[in-house]
Amino acid sequence: MYLPLPIYWALYDQQGSVWLIQGIQMDCRIWGNTLLLPDQIHLLNPVLCLILIPLFQIIIYPCLSKCFNVSLLRKMVVGGIIACLSFVATGILQLEIN
């Protein structure tokens, strides 16, 4: 059960280095001329946590619990799958940049 954790944290720690370099190589313009700098992209993680945690606790999990049992283990598995897919998407993006 704990076997994927070192792999996850090794990939997660790349946010401060490799993903910053990837952000430098990208065109980070959003909404016309508004430019999102690579250093500012790291700010999105805590901001999204502050927004998404209450959203999931108040709206999404109660709605899902009406359809099926939402246990802590299921939340962890789904979160791990989403994290895995995000790492794959980052790898594909890097291949496109190169």
C-alpha atoms as a PDB file:
ATOM      1  CA  MET A   1       0.000   0.000   0.000  1.00  0.00           C
ATOM      2  CA  TYR A   2       2.851   2.396   0.763  1.00  0.00           C
ATOM      3  CA  LEU A   3       4.989   1.408  -2.212  1.00  0.00           C
ATOM      4  CA  PRO A   4       3.861   4.282  -4.515  1.00  0.00           C
ATOM      5  CA  LEU A   5       4.508   6.988  -1.894  1.00  0.00           C
ATOM      6  CA  PRO A   6       8.267   7.441  -2.513  1.00  0.00           C
ATOM      7  CA  ILE A   7       7.621   7.657  -6.244  1.00  0.00           C
ATOM      8  CA  TYR A   8       4.905  10.251  -5.702  1.00  0.00           C
ATOM      9  CA  TRP A   9       7.051  12.426  -3.432  1.00  0.00           C
ATOM     10  CA  ALA A  10      10.024  12.181  -5.796  1.00  0.00           C
ATOM     11  CA  LEU A  11       7.842  13.511  -8.600  1.00  0.00           C
ATOM     12  CA  TYR A  12       6.186  16.090  -6.352  1.00  0.00           C
ATOM     13  CA  ASP A  13       9.563  17.524  -5.349  1.00  0.00           C
ATOM     14  CA  GLN A  14      10.246  18.358  -8.984  1.00  0.00           C
ATOM     15  CA  GLN A  15       7.842  21.283  -8.706  1.00  0.00           C
ATOM     16  CA  GLY A  16      10.594  23.494  -7.374  1.00  0.00           C
ATOM     17  CA  SER A  17      13.108  22.740 -10.091  1.00  0.00           C
ATOM     18  CA  VAL A  18      12.186  20.932 -13.279  1.00  0.00           C
ATOM     19  CA  TRP A  19       8.655  22.289 -13.494  1.00  0.00           C
ATOM     20  CA  LEU A  20       9.937  25.828 -12.965  1.00  0.00           C
ATOM     21  CA  ILE A  21      12.276  25.375 -15.918  1.00  0.00           C
ATOM     22  CA  GLN A  22       9.342  23.992 -17.892  1.00  0.00           C
ATOM     23  CA  GLY A  23       7.308  27.079 -17.008  1.00  0.00           C
ATOM     24  CA  ILE A  24      10.099  29.334 -18.269  1.00  0.00           C
ATOM     25  CA  GLN A  25       9.968  27.600 -21.650  1.00  0.00           C
ATOM     26  CA  MET A  26       6.190  27.978 -21.960  1.00  0.00           C
ATOM     27  CA  ASP A  27       4.068  30.883 -23.120  1.00  0.00           C
ATOM     28  CA  CYS A  28       2.269  31.727 -19.876  1.00  0.00           C
ATOM     29  CA  ARG A  29      -0.086  34.399 -21.188  1.00  0.00           C
ATOM     30  CA  ILE A  30      -3.619  34.155 -19.861  1.00  0.00           C
ATOM     31  CA  TRP A  31      -6.590  36.378 -20.657  1.00  0.00           C
ATOM     32  CA  GLY A  32      -5.045  38.388 -23.437  1.00  0.00           C
ATOM     33  CA  ASN A  33      -1.916  40.231 -22.357  1.00  0.00           C
ATOM     34  CA  THR A  34      -1.892  39.103 -18.722  1.00  0.00           C
ATOM     35  CA  LEU A  35       1.339  37.221 -18.124  1.00  0.00           C
ATOM     36  CA  LEU A  36       1.659  34.556 -15.443  1.00  0.00           C
ATOM     37  CA  LEU A  37       5.309  34.241 -14.455  1.00  0.00           C
ATOM     38  CA  PRO A  38       6.739  30.780 -13.719  1.00  0.00           C
ATOM     39  CA  ASP A  39       7.393  31.749 -10.091  1.00  0.00           C
ATOM     40  CA  GLN A  40       3.748  32.718  -9.706  1.00  0.00           C
ATOM     41  CA  ILE A  41       2.546  29.322 -10.915  1.00  0.00           C
ATOM     42  CA  HIS A  42       3.721  27.806  -7.621  1.00  0.00           C
ATOM     43  CA  LEU A  43       1.278  30.084  -5.830  1.00  0.00           C
ATOM     44  CA  LEU A  44      -1.612  28.265  -7.499  1.00  0.00           C
ATOM     45  CA  ASN A  45      -1.127  25.147  -5.354  1.00  0.00           C
ATOM     46  CA  PRO A  46      -1.988  26.728  -1.975  1.00  0.00           C
ATOM     47  CA  VAL A  47      -4.685  28.922  -3.523  1.00  0.00           C
ATOM     48  CA  LEU A  48      -6.371  25.927  -5.134  1.00  0.00           C
ATOM     49  CA  CYS A  49      -6.098  23.998  -1.853  1.00  0.00           C
ATOM     50  CA  LEU A  50      -7.859  26.815  -0.016  1.00  0.00           C
ATOM     51  CA  ILE A  51     -10.613  26.852  -2.629  1.00  0.00           C
ATOM     52  CA  LEU A  52     -11.041  23.155  -3.373  1.00  0.00           C
ATOM     53  CA  ILE A  53     -10.950  21.658   0.144  1.00  0.00           C
ATOM     54  CA  PRO A  54     -14.101  23.463   1.336  1.00  0.00           C
ATOM     55  CA  LEU A  55     -15.739  22.894  -2.048  1.00  0.00           C
ATOM     56  CA  PHE A  56     -15.180  19.156  -1.813  1.00  0.00           C
ATOM     57  CA  GLN A  57     -16.180  18.944   1.868  1.00  0.00           C
ATOM     58  CA  ILE A  58     -19.356  20.991   1.520  1.00  0.00           C
ATOM     59  CA  ILE A  59     -20.621  20.168  -1.979  1.00  0.00           C
ATOM     60  CA  ILE A  60     -18.892  17.354  -3.860  1.00  0.00           C
ATOM     61  CA  TYR A  61     -18.457  14.662  -1.168  1.00  0.00           C
ATOM     62  CA  PRO A  62     -22.021  14.971   0.169  1.00  0.00           C
ATOM     63  CA  CYS A  63     -23.378  14.686  -3.385  1.00  0.00           C
ATOM     64  CA  LEU A  64     -21.186  11.671  -4.127  1.00  0.00           C
ATOM     65  CA  SER A  65     -22.127   9.979  -0.851  1.00  0.00           C
ATOM     66  CA  LYS A  66     -25.726   9.818  -2.066  1.00  0.00           C
ATOM     67  CA  CYS A  67     -24.619   7.623  -4.984  1.00  0.00           C
ATOM     68  CA  PHE A  68     -22.011   5.404  -3.283  1.00  0.00           C
ATOM     69  CA  ASN A  69     -19.913   5.062  -0.146  1.00  0.00           C
ATOM     70  CA  VAL A  70     -17.147   7.682  -0.077  1.00  0.00           C
ATOM     71  CA  SER A  71     -14.486   6.317   2.271  1.00  0.00           C
ATOM     72  CA  LEU A  72     -11.093   7.787   3.079  1.00  0.00           C
ATOM     73  CA  LEU A  73      -9.358   5.002   1.171  1.00  0.00           C
ATOM     74  CA  ARG A  74     -11.405   5.699  -1.951  1.00  0.00           C
ATOM     75  CA  LYS A  75     -10.584   9.397  -1.696  1.00  0.00           C
ATOM     76  CA  MET A  76      -6.880   8.546  -1.457  1.00  0.00           C
ATOM     77  CA  VAL A  77      -7.023   6.181  -4.426  1.00  0.00           C
ATOM     78  CA  VAL A  78      -8.833   8.699  -6.614  1.00  0.00           C
ATOM     79  CA  GLY A  79      -6.408  11.428  -5.535  1.00  0.00           C
ATOM     80  CA  GLY A  80      -3.463   9.189  -6.393  1.00  0.00           C
ATOM     81  CA  ILE A  81      -4.909   8.442  -9.818  1.00  0.00           C
ATOM     82  CA  ILE A  82      -5.469  12.138 -10.494  1.00  0.00           C
ATOM     83  CA  ALA A  83      -1.909  12.917  -9.358  1.00  0.00           C
ATOM     84  CA  CYS A  84      -0.583  10.176 -11.636  1.00  0.00           C
ATOM     85  CA  LEU A  85      -2.515  11.580 -14.580  1.00  0.00           C
ATOM     86  CA  SER A  86      -1.174  15.063 -13.857  1.00  0.00           C
ATOM     87  CA  PHE A  87       2.401  13.750 -13.892  1.00  0.00           C
ATOM     88  CA  VAL A  88       1.719  12.035 -17.220  1.00  0.00           C
ATOM     89  CA  ALA A  89       0.248  15.269 -18.600  1.00  0.00           C
ATOM     90  CA  THR A  90       3.343  17.157 -17.455  1.00  0.00           C
ATOM     91  CA  GLY A  91       5.567  14.635 -19.211  1.00  0.00           C
ATOM     92  CA  ILE A  92       3.573  14.911 -22.427  1.00  0.00           C
ATOM     93  CA  LEU A  93       3.740  18.699 -22.196  1.00  0.00           C
ATOM     94  CA  GLN A  94       7.513  18.540 -21.811  1.00  0.00           C
ATOM     95  CA  LEU A  95       7.761  16.335 -24.894  1.00  0.00           C
ATOM     96  CA  GLU A  96       5.774  18.927 -26.834  1.00  0.00           C
ATOM     97  CA  ILE A  97       8.005  21.753 -25.580  1.00  0.00           C
ATOM     98  CA  ASN A  98      11.153  19.917 -26.651  1.00  0.00           C
END
